[in-house]
N, C-alpha and C. Protein backbone atom coordinates (compact mmCIF):
# COMPACT_ATOMS: atom_id res chain seq x y z
N MET A 1 -144.84 66.30 -147.26
CA MET A 1 -145.74 65.58 -146.89
C MET A 1 -145.92 64.42 -147.88
N LYS A 2 -145.93 64.50 -149.03
CA LYS A 2 -145.94 63.71 -150.06
C LYS A 2 -144.84 62.58 -150.02
N LYS A 3 -143.81 63.24 -149.62
CA LYS A 3 -142.44 62.24 -149.42
C LYS A 3 -142.75 61.25 -148.31
N THR A 4 -143.35 61.95 -147.19
CA THR A 4 -143.65 60.86 -146.19
C THR A 4 -144.65 60.12 -146.37
N ILE A 5 -145.75 60.22 -147.35
CA ILE A 5 -146.64 59.35 -147.57
C ILE A 5 -146.09 58.41 -148.51
N ALA A 6 -145.35 58.74 -149.42
CA ALA A 6 -144.70 57.88 -150.53
C ALA A 6 -143.67 56.93 -149.72
N LEU A 7 -142.95 57.46 -148.78
CA LEU A 7 -142.04 56.54 -147.76
C LEU A 7 -143.09 55.53 -146.95
N ALA A 8 -143.89 55.90 -146.28
CA ALA A 8 -144.84 55.20 -145.55
C ALA A 8 -145.29 53.93 -146.68
N CYS A 9 -145.73 54.38 -147.64
CA CYS A 9 -146.15 53.36 -148.56
C CYS A 9 -145.14 52.52 -149.05
N ALA A 10 -144.10 52.89 -149.40
CA ALA A 10 -143.01 51.96 -149.77
C ALA A 10 -142.55 51.06 -148.63
N THR A 11 -142.60 51.63 -147.34
CA THR A 11 -142.30 50.68 -146.11
C THR A 11 -143.50 49.54 -146.09
N ILE A 12 -144.61 50.00 -146.15
CA ILE A 12 -145.64 49.14 -145.94
C ILE A 12 -145.58 47.96 -147.27
N PHE A 13 -145.22 48.40 -148.45
CA PHE A 13 -145.15 47.42 -149.79
C PHE A 13 -144.05 46.52 -149.24
N PHE A 14 -142.68 47.12 -148.96
CA PHE A 14 -141.57 46.31 -148.69
C PHE A 14 -141.93 45.23 -147.49
N MET A 15 -142.48 45.66 -146.48
CA MET A 15 -142.92 44.87 -145.28
C MET A 15 -144.16 43.69 -145.71
N ALA A 16 -144.92 43.92 -146.50
CA ALA A 16 -145.84 43.02 -147.20
C ALA A 16 -145.10 41.87 -147.83
N CYS A 17 -144.20 42.51 -148.84
CA CYS A 17 -143.45 41.50 -149.87
C CYS A 17 -142.56 40.66 -148.90
N SER A 18 -142.01 41.31 -147.78
CA SER A 18 -141.12 40.48 -146.93
C SER A 18 -141.69 39.44 -146.09
N ASN A 19 -142.98 39.57 -145.67
CA ASN A 19 -143.95 38.82 -144.93
C ASN A 19 -144.21 37.57 -146.01
N GLN A 20 -144.38 37.96 -147.09
CA GLN A 20 -145.09 36.96 -147.92
C GLN A 20 -143.89 36.14 -148.45
N LYS A 21 -142.71 36.62 -148.38
CA LYS A 21 -141.57 35.58 -148.60
C LYS A 21 -141.05 34.83 -147.51
N SER A 22 -141.25 35.33 -146.37
CA SER A 22 -141.22 34.32 -144.97
C SER A 22 -142.30 33.50 -144.99
N GLU A 23 -143.71 33.51 -145.60
CA GLU A 23 -144.61 32.37 -145.32
C GLU A 23 -144.48 31.33 -146.63
N ASP A 24 -143.85 32.14 -147.87
CA ASP A 24 -143.37 31.27 -149.09
C ASP A 24 -142.32 30.41 -148.56
N LYS A 25 -141.59 30.64 -147.78
CA LYS A 25 -140.28 29.86 -147.27
C LYS A 25 -141.01 28.73 -146.52
N SER A 26 -141.83 29.04 -145.41
CA SER A 26 -142.34 28.09 -144.57
C SER A 26 -143.18 27.12 -145.08
N GLU A 27 -143.91 27.63 -146.08
CA GLU A 27 -144.70 26.44 -147.07
C GLU A 27 -143.78 25.72 -147.69
N THR A 28 -142.76 26.18 -148.32
CA THR A 28 -141.88 25.25 -149.01
C THR A 28 -141.32 24.43 -148.12
N LYS A 29 -141.07 24.60 -146.74
CA LYS A 29 -140.44 23.67 -145.88
C LYS A 29 -141.48 22.51 -145.51
N VAL A 30 -142.69 22.99 -145.38
CA VAL A 30 -143.65 21.97 -144.98
C VAL A 30 -143.84 20.88 -146.20
N ASP A 31 -143.89 21.41 -147.51
CA ASP A 31 -144.03 20.88 -148.64
C ASP A 31 -142.74 20.09 -148.84
N SER A 32 -141.53 20.32 -148.73
CA SER A 32 -140.46 19.49 -148.63
C SER A 32 -140.56 18.37 -147.72
N ALA A 33 -140.87 18.73 -146.54
CA ALA A 33 -141.06 17.45 -145.51
C ALA A 33 -142.23 16.72 -145.91
N ALA A 34 -143.25 17.00 -146.51
CA ALA A 34 -144.34 16.08 -147.05
C ALA A 34 -144.01 15.26 -148.04
N MET A 35 -142.77 15.79 -148.94
CA MET A 35 -142.50 15.07 -150.24
C MET A 35 -141.55 14.08 -149.84
N ALA A 36 -140.63 14.18 -148.73
CA ALA A 36 -139.57 13.21 -148.21
C ALA A 36 -140.09 11.81 -148.26
N PRO A 37 -139.35 10.99 -148.47
CA PRO A 37 -139.72 9.48 -148.67
C PRO A 37 -139.79 9.29 -147.00
N ALA A 38 -140.90 8.36 -146.77
CA ALA A 38 -141.05 7.81 -145.50
C ALA A 38 -139.99 6.83 -145.20
N LYS A 39 -139.73 6.76 -143.82
CA LYS A 39 -138.76 5.85 -143.26
C LYS A 39 -139.39 4.42 -143.56
N THR A 40 -138.41 3.36 -144.01
CA THR A 40 -138.66 1.81 -144.05
C THR A 40 -139.15 1.39 -142.65
N GLN A 41 -140.08 0.92 -142.62
CA GLN A 41 -140.46 0.31 -141.06
C GLN A 41 -140.13 -1.07 -141.06
N PRO A 42 -139.69 -1.48 -139.79
CA PRO A 42 -139.22 -3.00 -139.96
C PRO A 42 -140.36 -3.99 -140.48
N ALA A 43 -141.49 -3.81 -140.22
CA ALA A 43 -142.63 -4.68 -140.83
C ALA A 43 -143.87 -3.59 -141.05
N GLU A 44 -144.68 -4.23 -141.98
CA GLU A 44 -145.86 -3.32 -142.34
C GLU A 44 -146.85 -4.57 -142.96
N PHE A 45 -148.22 -4.02 -142.98
CA PHE A 45 -149.20 -4.88 -143.63
C PHE A 45 -148.86 -5.42 -144.81
N ALA A 46 -149.24 -6.40 -145.20
CA ALA A 46 -148.98 -6.96 -146.43
C ALA A 46 -150.50 -6.89 -147.39
N ASP A 47 -150.46 -7.40 -148.64
CA ASP A 47 -151.56 -7.49 -149.27
C ASP A 47 -152.66 -8.46 -148.62
N PRO A 48 -153.84 -8.15 -148.87
CA PRO A 48 -154.97 -9.08 -148.08
C PRO A 48 -154.86 -10.27 -148.99
N LYS A 49 -154.58 -10.50 -150.21
CA LYS A 49 -154.77 -11.49 -150.99
C LYS A 49 -153.97 -12.67 -150.04
N TYR A 50 -153.02 -12.45 -149.36
CA TYR A 50 -152.46 -13.67 -148.71
C TYR A 50 -153.37 -14.35 -147.63
N ALA A 51 -154.18 -13.36 -147.04
CA ALA A 51 -155.29 -13.92 -146.20
C ALA A 51 -156.23 -14.91 -146.90
N ASP A 52 -156.45 -14.41 -148.26
CA ASP A 52 -157.58 -15.19 -149.12
C ASP A 52 -156.63 -16.51 -149.34
N ILE A 53 -155.57 -16.61 -149.58
CA ILE A 53 -154.50 -17.91 -149.96
C ILE A 53 -154.73 -18.87 -148.64
N GLY A 54 -154.65 -18.34 -147.42
CA GLY A 54 -154.88 -19.12 -146.15
C GLY A 54 -156.14 -19.71 -146.08
N ARG A 55 -157.19 -18.68 -146.04
CA ARG A 55 -158.42 -19.15 -146.05
C ARG A 55 -158.77 -20.41 -147.17
N SER A 56 -158.35 -19.91 -148.29
CA SER A 56 -158.64 -20.99 -149.51
C SER A 56 -158.09 -22.29 -149.21
N GLY A 57 -156.66 -22.19 -148.80
CA GLY A 57 -155.89 -23.48 -148.42
C GLY A 57 -156.82 -24.36 -147.46
N LEU A 58 -157.32 -23.71 -146.15
CA LEU A 58 -157.97 -24.56 -145.31
C LEU A 58 -159.21 -25.04 -145.76
N ALA A 59 -160.09 -24.17 -146.67
CA ALA A 59 -161.09 -24.77 -147.21
C ALA A 59 -160.93 -25.88 -147.88
N SER A 60 -159.84 -26.07 -148.85
CA SER A 60 -159.53 -27.07 -149.77
C SER A 60 -159.09 -28.33 -148.72
N LEU A 61 -158.57 -28.27 -147.71
CA LEU A 61 -158.00 -28.94 -146.69
C LEU A 61 -159.25 -29.71 -146.04
N SER A 62 -160.10 -28.76 -145.67
CA SER A 62 -161.17 -29.29 -144.94
C SER A 62 -162.21 -30.23 -145.92
N ALA A 63 -162.24 -29.82 -147.30
CA ALA A 63 -163.05 -30.73 -148.16
C ALA A 63 -162.24 -31.73 -148.74
N GLY A 64 -160.87 -32.32 -148.22
CA GLY A 64 -160.29 -33.30 -148.46
C GLY A 64 -159.51 -33.34 -149.95
N ASN A 65 -159.48 -31.91 -150.40
CA ASN A 65 -158.67 -31.66 -151.62
C ASN A 65 -157.42 -31.13 -151.25
N VAL A 66 -156.51 -32.33 -150.92
CA VAL A 66 -155.17 -31.81 -150.69
C VAL A 66 -154.36 -31.38 -151.73
N ASP A 67 -154.64 -31.81 -153.20
CA ASP A 67 -153.90 -31.25 -154.09
C ASP A 67 -154.25 -29.64 -154.45
N ALA A 68 -155.30 -29.21 -154.20
CA ALA A 68 -155.93 -27.72 -154.37
C ALA A 68 -155.26 -27.07 -153.32
N TRP A 69 -154.95 -27.57 -152.29
CA TRP A 69 -154.41 -26.70 -151.10
C TRP A 69 -152.71 -26.75 -151.41
N MET A 70 -152.23 -27.82 -151.85
CA MET A 70 -150.84 -27.88 -152.31
C MET A 70 -150.46 -26.94 -153.51
N GLY A 71 -151.45 -26.60 -154.22
CA GLY A 71 -151.34 -25.89 -155.40
C GLY A 71 -150.73 -24.56 -154.86
N SER A 72 -150.77 -23.95 -153.86
CA SER A 72 -150.25 -23.00 -153.20
C SER A 72 -148.69 -22.84 -152.51
N PHE A 73 -148.11 -24.19 -152.72
CA PHE A 73 -147.01 -24.48 -152.07
C PHE A 73 -145.86 -24.28 -153.17
N ALA A 74 -144.74 -24.02 -152.93
CA ALA A 74 -143.35 -23.76 -153.84
C ALA A 74 -143.03 -25.45 -153.65
N ASP A 75 -142.13 -25.90 -154.67
CA ASP A 75 -141.70 -26.90 -154.67
C ASP A 75 -140.78 -27.55 -153.66
N ASN A 76 -140.02 -26.46 -153.23
CA ASN A 76 -138.81 -26.62 -152.00
C ASN A 76 -139.55 -26.03 -150.56
N ALA A 77 -140.82 -26.28 -150.39
CA ALA A 77 -141.44 -25.82 -149.25
C ALA A 77 -140.85 -26.76 -147.97
N VAL A 78 -140.91 -26.11 -146.96
CA VAL A 78 -140.72 -26.87 -145.53
C VAL A 78 -141.69 -26.56 -144.60
N TYR A 79 -142.14 -27.73 -144.01
CA TYR A 79 -143.28 -27.61 -143.20
C TYR A 79 -142.71 -28.13 -141.74
N VAL A 80 -142.57 -27.19 -140.72
CA VAL A 80 -142.16 -27.32 -139.61
C VAL A 80 -143.27 -27.19 -138.27
N TRP A 81 -143.27 -28.34 -137.47
CA TRP A 81 -144.24 -28.19 -136.25
C TRP A 81 -143.15 -27.69 -135.03
N ASN A 82 -143.95 -27.15 -134.24
CA ASN A 82 -143.29 -26.60 -132.95
C ASN A 82 -142.77 -27.77 -131.99
N SER A 83 -143.10 -29.09 -132.40
CA SER A 83 -142.30 -30.09 -131.84
C SER A 83 -140.88 -30.24 -132.17
N GLY A 84 -140.52 -29.84 -133.60
CA GLY A 84 -139.23 -30.03 -134.09
C GLY A 84 -139.36 -30.91 -135.04
N ASP A 85 -140.60 -31.57 -135.39
CA ASP A 85 -140.63 -32.51 -136.67
C ASP A 85 -140.74 -31.68 -137.78
N SER A 86 -140.50 -32.04 -139.11
CA SER A 86 -140.54 -31.37 -140.25
C SER A 86 -140.59 -32.33 -141.42
N LEU A 87 -141.00 -31.54 -142.47
CA LEU A 87 -141.28 -32.28 -143.81
C LEU A 87 -140.48 -31.12 -144.91
N ALA A 88 -139.58 -31.70 -145.72
CA ALA A 88 -139.08 -31.05 -146.60
C ALA A 88 -139.48 -31.36 -148.22
N GLY A 89 -139.94 -30.35 -148.72
CA GLY A 89 -140.26 -30.64 -150.27
C GLY A 89 -141.94 -30.75 -150.53
N LYS A 90 -142.31 -30.18 -151.48
CA LYS A 90 -143.80 -30.29 -151.57
C LYS A 90 -144.24 -31.67 -151.74
N ALA A 91 -143.32 -32.33 -152.56
CA ALA A 91 -143.79 -34.08 -152.55
C ALA A 91 -144.22 -34.41 -151.04
N ALA A 92 -143.20 -34.31 -150.39
CA ALA A 92 -143.29 -35.09 -149.05
C ALA A 92 -144.53 -34.47 -148.12
N ILE A 93 -144.65 -33.28 -148.25
CA ILE A 93 -145.84 -32.40 -147.52
C ILE A 93 -146.98 -33.07 -148.07
N THR A 94 -147.15 -33.10 -149.37
CA THR A 94 -148.58 -33.54 -150.00
C THR A 94 -148.61 -35.19 -149.76
N ALA A 95 -147.63 -35.97 -149.73
CA ALA A 95 -147.85 -37.29 -149.14
C ALA A 95 -148.30 -37.41 -147.93
N TYR A 96 -147.58 -36.65 -147.17
CA TYR A 96 -147.97 -36.63 -145.49
C TYR A 96 -149.52 -36.26 -145.49
N TRP A 97 -150.00 -35.13 -146.08
CA TRP A 97 -151.45 -34.78 -145.94
C TRP A 97 -152.37 -35.52 -146.41
N LYS A 98 -151.99 -36.26 -147.82
CA LYS A 98 -152.93 -37.10 -148.27
C LYS A 98 -153.30 -38.41 -147.32
N LYS A 99 -151.94 -38.93 -146.78
CA LYS A 99 -152.11 -40.22 -146.09
C LYS A 99 -153.08 -39.79 -144.68
N ARG A 100 -152.37 -38.57 -144.19
CA ARG A 100 -153.27 -38.10 -142.87
C ARG A 100 -154.64 -37.93 -143.09
N ARG A 101 -155.07 -37.19 -144.00
CA ARG A 101 -156.46 -36.75 -144.57
C ARG A 101 -157.25 -38.10 -145.04
N GLY A 102 -156.54 -38.72 -145.59
CA GLY A 102 -157.25 -39.92 -146.15
C GLY A 102 -157.44 -41.20 -145.05
N ASP A 103 -156.40 -41.56 -144.57
CA ASP A 103 -156.40 -42.67 -143.35
C ASP A 103 -156.55 -42.51 -142.11
N VAL A 104 -156.39 -41.09 -141.71
CA VAL A 104 -156.36 -40.81 -140.18
C VAL A 104 -157.36 -40.05 -139.84
N ILE A 105 -157.72 -38.98 -140.44
CA ILE A 105 -158.69 -37.99 -140.23
C ILE A 105 -160.06 -38.22 -141.11
N ASP A 106 -161.17 -38.46 -140.31
CA ASP A 106 -162.30 -38.66 -141.18
C ASP A 106 -162.96 -37.27 -141.64
N SER A 107 -162.86 -36.22 -140.55
CA SER A 107 -163.38 -34.83 -141.08
C SER A 107 -162.62 -33.81 -140.36
N ILE A 108 -162.44 -32.58 -141.10
CA ILE A 108 -161.68 -31.60 -140.09
C ILE A 108 -162.18 -30.29 -140.76
N SER A 109 -162.52 -29.08 -139.65
CA SER A 109 -162.97 -28.14 -139.98
C SER A 109 -162.16 -26.93 -139.10
N PHE A 110 -162.35 -25.74 -139.93
CA PHE A 110 -161.44 -24.57 -139.27
C PHE A 110 -162.38 -23.45 -139.13
N SER A 111 -162.65 -22.85 -138.02
CA SER A 111 -163.44 -21.68 -137.63
C SER A 111 -162.81 -20.70 -136.88
N ASN A 112 -163.69 -19.60 -136.73
CA ASN A 112 -163.08 -18.44 -135.80
C ASN A 112 -161.46 -17.86 -136.55
N GLN A 113 -161.29 -18.17 -137.82
CA GLN A 113 -160.12 -17.67 -138.69
C GLN A 113 -159.72 -16.23 -138.39
N ILE A 114 -158.52 -16.05 -137.91
CA ILE A 114 -157.86 -14.71 -138.00
C ILE A 114 -156.76 -14.72 -138.76
N TRP A 115 -156.48 -13.89 -139.69
CA TRP A 115 -155.32 -13.93 -140.63
C TRP A 115 -154.69 -12.62 -140.59
N LEU A 116 -153.39 -12.42 -140.55
CA LEU A 116 -152.67 -11.32 -140.49
C LEU A 116 -151.42 -11.46 -141.49
N PRO A 117 -151.74 -10.78 -142.53
CA PRO A 117 -150.72 -10.73 -143.68
C PRO A 117 -149.58 -9.73 -143.32
N ILE A 118 -148.41 -9.95 -143.11
CA ILE A 118 -147.34 -8.96 -142.91
C ILE A 118 -145.98 -8.98 -143.84
N LYS A 119 -145.36 -7.88 -144.18
CA LYS A 119 -144.27 -7.82 -144.95
C LYS A 119 -143.18 -7.43 -143.90
N VAL A 120 -142.15 -8.35 -143.72
CA VAL A 120 -140.95 -8.11 -142.70
C VAL A 120 -139.91 -7.48 -143.76
N ASN A 121 -139.62 -6.20 -143.47
CA ASN A 121 -138.64 -5.46 -144.28
C ASN A 121 -137.31 -5.66 -143.71
N GLN A 122 -137.17 -5.57 -142.27
CA GLN A 122 -135.81 -5.70 -141.57
C GLN A 122 -136.13 -6.78 -140.57
N PRO A 123 -135.76 -8.16 -140.76
CA PRO A 123 -135.81 -9.13 -139.78
C PRO A 123 -135.32 -8.60 -138.24
N GLN A 124 -136.11 -9.02 -137.20
CA GLN A 124 -135.88 -8.40 -136.09
C GLN A 124 -134.94 -9.65 -135.20
N SER A 125 -134.95 -10.94 -135.73
CA SER A 125 -134.13 -12.08 -135.26
C SER A 125 -133.84 -12.97 -136.31
N VAL A 126 -134.66 -14.15 -136.24
CA VAL A 126 -133.99 -15.22 -137.24
C VAL A 126 -135.22 -15.36 -138.55
N GLU A 127 -136.29 -14.56 -138.22
CA GLU A 127 -137.33 -14.70 -139.32
C GLU A 127 -136.60 -14.21 -140.82
N GLN A 128 -137.52 -14.75 -141.62
CA GLN A 128 -137.03 -14.45 -143.41
C GLN A 128 -137.66 -13.12 -143.36
N PRO A 129 -136.64 -12.34 -144.26
CA PRO A 129 -137.66 -11.07 -144.73
C PRO A 129 -138.62 -11.38 -145.94
N GLY A 130 -139.66 -10.68 -146.04
CA GLY A 130 -140.61 -11.05 -147.10
C GLY A 130 -142.04 -10.96 -146.49
N VAL A 131 -142.95 -11.60 -147.25
CA VAL A 131 -144.33 -11.68 -146.72
C VAL A 131 -144.38 -12.97 -145.88
N TRP A 132 -145.26 -12.69 -144.86
CA TRP A 132 -145.57 -13.62 -143.95
C TRP A 132 -147.02 -13.76 -143.62
N LEU A 133 -147.73 -14.96 -143.41
CA LEU A 133 -149.15 -14.87 -143.24
C LEU A 133 -149.19 -15.48 -141.99
N LEU A 134 -149.85 -14.88 -140.88
CA LEU A 134 -150.08 -15.34 -139.45
C LEU A 134 -151.51 -15.82 -139.53
N GLY A 135 -151.71 -16.81 -138.94
CA GLY A 135 -153.20 -17.44 -138.92
C GLY A 135 -153.31 -18.02 -137.29
N TRP A 136 -154.51 -17.85 -136.95
CA TRP A 136 -154.98 -18.50 -135.83
C TRP A 136 -156.33 -18.92 -136.34
N TYR A 137 -156.68 -20.10 -135.73
CA TYR A 137 -157.78 -20.68 -135.90
C TYR A 137 -158.46 -21.73 -134.99
N LEU A 138 -159.65 -22.25 -134.92
CA LEU A 138 -159.97 -23.32 -134.12
C LEU A 138 -160.19 -24.49 -135.13
N THR A 139 -159.39 -25.52 -134.85
CA THR A 139 -159.40 -26.74 -135.65
C THR A 139 -160.26 -27.73 -135.08
N SER A 140 -161.33 -28.34 -135.57
CA SER A 140 -162.23 -29.43 -135.10
C SER A 140 -162.06 -30.55 -135.96
N ALA A 141 -161.76 -31.77 -135.47
CA ALA A 141 -161.39 -33.00 -136.38
C ALA A 141 -162.07 -34.22 -135.82
N LYS A 142 -162.59 -35.06 -136.60
CA LYS A 142 -163.15 -36.19 -136.19
C LYS A 142 -162.19 -37.25 -136.99
N TYR A 143 -161.66 -38.05 -136.24
CA TYR A 143 -160.57 -39.26 -136.41
C TYR A 143 -161.36 -40.52 -136.90
N LYS A 144 -160.64 -41.37 -137.67
CA LYS A 144 -161.09 -42.48 -138.18
C LYS A 144 -161.50 -43.53 -136.93
N THR A 145 -161.08 -43.23 -135.68
CA THR A 145 -161.32 -43.76 -134.44
C THR A 145 -162.61 -43.78 -134.10
N GLY A 146 -163.21 -42.65 -134.59
CA GLY A 146 -164.36 -42.28 -133.85
C GLY A 146 -164.23 -40.80 -132.70
N LYS A 147 -163.28 -40.75 -132.48
CA LYS A 147 -162.76 -39.61 -131.50
C LYS A 147 -162.57 -38.36 -132.03
N ARG A 148 -162.90 -37.36 -131.16
CA ARG A 148 -162.87 -36.11 -131.77
C ARG A 148 -161.82 -35.12 -131.00
N MET A 149 -161.45 -34.08 -131.73
CA MET A 149 -160.34 -33.36 -131.05
C MET A 149 -160.69 -31.84 -131.57
N ALA A 150 -160.45 -31.03 -130.56
CA ALA A 150 -160.64 -29.41 -130.86
C ALA A 150 -159.33 -28.75 -129.97
N GLN A 151 -159.02 -27.96 -130.76
CA GLN A 151 -157.84 -26.93 -130.33
C GLN A 151 -157.67 -25.90 -131.30
N TRP A 152 -156.95 -24.64 -130.62
CA TRP A 152 -156.64 -23.30 -131.31
C TRP A 152 -155.15 -23.85 -131.85
N ILE A 153 -154.99 -23.52 -133.27
CA ILE A 153 -153.56 -23.58 -133.71
C ILE A 153 -153.26 -22.40 -134.56
N HIS A 154 -152.02 -22.16 -134.34
CA HIS A 154 -151.26 -21.00 -134.84
C HIS A 154 -150.33 -21.42 -135.98
N THR A 155 -150.64 -20.80 -137.09
CA THR A 155 -149.44 -21.26 -138.31
C THR A 155 -148.90 -19.90 -138.95
N ASP A 156 -147.73 -19.93 -139.30
CA ASP A 156 -146.98 -18.88 -139.96
C ASP A 156 -146.62 -19.58 -141.36
N MET A 157 -147.07 -18.70 -142.30
CA MET A 157 -146.43 -19.07 -143.81
C MET A 157 -145.71 -17.92 -144.15
N HIS A 158 -144.64 -18.29 -144.90
CA HIS A 158 -143.77 -17.52 -145.54
C HIS A 158 -144.10 -17.64 -147.06
N PHE A 159 -144.00 -16.59 -148.03
CA PHE A 159 -144.21 -16.66 -149.24
C PHE A 159 -142.94 -16.09 -150.13
N ASP A 160 -142.51 -17.06 -151.24
CA ASP A 160 -141.38 -16.54 -151.96
C ASP A 160 -142.02 -15.36 -152.92
N ALA A 161 -140.84 -15.10 -153.81
CA ALA A 161 -141.13 -14.16 -154.81
C ALA A 161 -142.26 -14.19 -155.79
N ASN A 162 -142.59 -15.73 -155.78
CA ASN A 162 -143.81 -15.77 -156.81
C ASN A 162 -145.17 -16.08 -156.20
N ASP A 163 -145.41 -15.63 -154.88
CA ASP A 163 -146.31 -15.84 -153.97
C ASP A 163 -146.74 -17.24 -153.88
N LYS A 164 -145.60 -18.09 -153.68
CA LYS A 164 -145.84 -19.54 -153.33
C LYS A 164 -145.30 -19.66 -151.96
N ILE A 165 -146.04 -20.67 -151.02
CA ILE A 165 -145.68 -20.85 -149.82
C ILE A 165 -144.37 -21.45 -149.67
N ASP A 166 -143.20 -21.08 -149.10
CA ASP A 166 -142.10 -21.92 -149.06
C ASP A 166 -141.78 -22.07 -147.54
N ARG A 167 -142.36 -21.79 -146.47
CA ARG A 167 -141.90 -22.33 -145.18
C ARG A 167 -143.43 -22.08 -144.47
N VAL A 168 -143.65 -23.17 -143.71
CA VAL A 168 -144.86 -23.10 -142.67
C VAL A 168 -144.14 -23.64 -141.31
N ILE A 169 -144.69 -23.00 -140.42
CA ILE A 169 -144.32 -23.20 -139.00
C ILE A 169 -145.72 -23.18 -138.26
N GLN A 170 -145.85 -24.47 -137.70
CA GLN A 170 -147.29 -24.78 -137.35
C GLN A 170 -147.19 -24.95 -135.70
N TYR A 171 -148.02 -24.38 -134.90
CA TYR A 171 -147.88 -24.53 -133.33
C TYR A 171 -149.10 -25.17 -132.78
N LEU A 172 -148.97 -26.32 -132.24
CA LEU A 172 -150.14 -26.96 -132.00
C LEU A 172 -149.81 -28.11 -130.82
N ASP A 173 -150.88 -28.41 -130.26
CA ASP A 173 -150.63 -29.39 -129.09
C ASP A 173 -150.73 -30.88 -129.45
N ARG A 174 -149.81 -31.51 -129.64
CA ARG A 174 -149.98 -33.01 -129.99
C ARG A 174 -150.71 -33.78 -129.24
N VAL A 175 -150.75 -33.57 -127.84
CA VAL A 175 -151.58 -34.66 -126.95
C VAL A 175 -152.91 -34.86 -127.46
N PRO A 176 -153.83 -33.92 -127.78
CA PRO A 176 -155.04 -34.19 -127.97
C PRO A 176 -155.17 -34.85 -129.28
N ILE A 177 -154.17 -34.46 -130.26
CA ILE A 177 -154.24 -35.26 -131.57
C ILE A 177 -153.72 -36.57 -131.38
N ASN A 178 -152.97 -36.77 -130.78
CA ASN A 178 -152.40 -38.40 -130.60
C ASN A 178 -153.59 -39.22 -129.81
N ALA A 179 -154.31 -38.55 -128.93
CA ALA A 179 -155.17 -39.20 -128.23
C ALA A 179 -156.48 -39.62 -128.79
N ALA A 180 -156.73 -38.76 -129.92
CA ALA A 180 -158.01 -38.97 -130.73
C ALA A 180 -157.56 -39.77 -131.97
N ALA A 181 -156.49 -39.88 -132.33
CA ALA A 181 -155.86 -40.91 -133.34
C ALA A 181 -155.75 -42.19 -132.93
N LYS A 182 -155.61 -42.19 -131.54
CA LYS A 182 -155.20 -43.79 -131.11
C LYS A 182 -156.39 -44.70 -130.98
N LYS A 183 -156.37 -45.70 -131.47
CA LYS A 183 -157.32 -46.76 -131.70
C LYS A 183 -157.58 -47.41 -130.41
């Protein structure tokens, strides 16, 4: 009888140890899976500081301070409109906007701003990898002609490794702009 009880106790003990080992193995698998590096996504949210750069730039442009706005641009920046027109270089972009803001536009404001900073890890087509800031906002402008214009504008900005804007792509309708600027 003592042998049967000892054998039963030994069997229970080994079964308990065996179950503990199985549980330990499954926990190890879960822990290993949790520790595995995440697969890099094609795109992800970027630091919100880029949205602050966008907001600050529009505030500077609205105030007529083109130099402050251009402080966030790289020297080799390119500014492209959906019409195909473009400007190359910070100096050319600055000259354009100083003339436009000083001689053509009396006042300009930007409302209902939406900003989405994203980091492109794996380009899906022709876009550059890196940080992009996508912006949508209602632009209201009064021109020196006395006419007004309002429209939604979409702007994409790419940032270089130094967090400077090196590419702007702006989508807008030139018809209301030309009509308001025409004397």
